[in-house]
Amino acid sequence: MTTYEYAQLVLDAKKETPPRSIDEPAAYEVAQLTSGSFTFLLYEALWVNDFDMKTITQHLENLYDSEDHFGLVYFLFILPKIIFLKLS
């Protein structure tokens, strides 16, 4: 499954689910648990390969603050691919 297909699957699922309230503390805790396994490695790979971390961090913050959570997830999927392409 490609990144595009996964993002499309998430978007399709979003359209099918009825609106409901989100347990923010639980969502925050799950995000910490799942992202902790790859966040440090991703940051390290970006930093070691001379990416502008300030700009990347600002973009991530803007996506989060604008509540574009699908864009945020998609951007996180794209970053490792960019690193891989730069290294190849």
Protein backbone atom coordinates (compact mmCIF):
# COMPACT_ATOMS: atom_id res chain seq x y z
CA MET A 1 0.00 0.00 0.00
CA THR A 2 1.45 3.34 -1.03
CA THR A 3 1.35 6.51 1.05
CA TYR A 4 -1.27 7.95 -1.27
CA GLU A 5 -3.47 4.87 -0.92
CA TYR A 6 -3.19 4.98 2.87
CA ALA A 7 -4.04 8.68 2.98
CA GLN A 8 -7.01 8.05 0.68
CA LEU A 9 -8.18 5.22 2.95
CA VAL A 10 -8.05 7.56 5.93
CA LEU A 11 -9.96 10.25 4.04
CA ASP A 12 -12.60 7.77 2.90
CA ALA A 13 -13.03 6.50 6.46
CA LYS A 14 -13.46 10.07 7.66
CA LYS A 15 -16.42 10.58 5.31
CA GLU A 16 -18.16 7.42 6.50
CA THR A 17 -17.97 7.98 10.22
CA PRO A 18 -20.60 10.12 11.93
CA PRO A 19 -19.37 13.13 13.89
CA ARG A 20 -18.66 12.38 17.53
CA SER A 21 -16.88 13.96 20.42
CA ILE A 22 -13.21 13.16 20.84
CA ASP A 23 -11.67 12.33 24.19
CA GLU A 24 -8.76 14.79 23.91
CA PRO A 25 -6.67 13.42 26.81
CA ALA A 26 -6.97 9.86 25.44
CA ALA A 27 -6.12 11.00 21.91
CA TYR A 28 -3.08 12.88 23.22
CA GLU A 29 -1.90 9.82 25.14
CA VAL A 30 -2.32 7.50 22.15
CA ALA A 31 -0.46 9.97 19.92
CA GLN A 32 2.43 10.04 22.38
CA LEU A 33 2.61 6.26 22.55
CA THR A 34 2.48 5.69 18.80
CA SER A 35 4.70 8.56 17.73
CA GLY A 36 7.38 7.92 20.33
CA SER A 37 8.68 4.94 18.41
CA PHE A 38 9.56 6.87 15.26
CA THR A 39 9.65 10.60 16.10
CA PHE A 40 13.19 10.67 17.46
CA LEU A 41 14.55 8.58 14.59
CA LEU A 42 12.79 10.77 12.02
CA TYR A 43 14.06 13.97 13.63
CA GLU A 44 17.59 12.58 13.81
CA ALA A 45 17.55 11.51 10.14
CA LEU A 46 16.29 14.92 9.06
CA TRP A 47 18.83 16.78 11.17
CA VAL A 48 21.80 14.61 10.12
CA ASN A 49 20.91 15.16 6.45
CA ASP A 50 20.92 18.97 6.85
CA PHE A 51 17.19 19.62 6.57
CA ASP A 52 15.95 22.94 7.91
CA MET A 53 14.40 21.72 11.16
CA LYS A 54 13.00 25.12 12.13
CA THR A 55 10.95 25.31 8.92
CA ILE A 56 9.77 21.70 9.22
CA THR A 57 8.75 22.25 12.84
CA GLN A 58 6.88 25.45 11.95
CA HIS A 59 5.04 23.67 9.15
CA LEU A 60 4.03 20.84 11.49
CA GLU A 61 2.82 23.36 14.07
CA ASN A 62 0.82 25.24 11.43
CA LEU A 63 -0.84 22.04 10.24
CA TYR A 64 -1.72 21.10 13.81
CA ASP A 65 -2.96 24.58 14.76
CA SER A 66 -5.13 24.79 11.64
CA GLU A 67 -6.66 21.43 12.64
CA ASP A 68 -5.56 19.93 9.32
CA HIS A 69 -4.85 16.60 10.99
CA PHE A 70 -4.97 14.60 7.76
CA GLY A 71 -2.44 16.99 6.26
CA LEU A 72 -0.29 16.55 9.35
CA VAL A 73 -0.35 12.75 9.10
CA TYR A 74 0.29 12.88 5.35
CA PHE A 75 3.24 15.25 5.85
CA LEU A 76 4.70 12.85 8.42
CA PHE A 77 4.40 10.06 5.85
CA ILE A 78 6.14 12.16 3.21
CA LEU A 79 9.16 13.13 5.35
CA PRO A 80 10.77 9.66 5.47
CA LYS A 81 10.27 9.29 1.73
CA ILE A 82 12.07 12.61 1.16
CA ILE A 83 14.97 11.43 3.32
CA PHE A 84 15.15 8.17 1.38
CA LEU A 85 15.16 10.00 -1.96
CA LYS A 86 17.92 12.34 -0.80
CA LEU A 87 20.05 9.41 0.34
CA SER A 88 19.62 7.44 -2.90
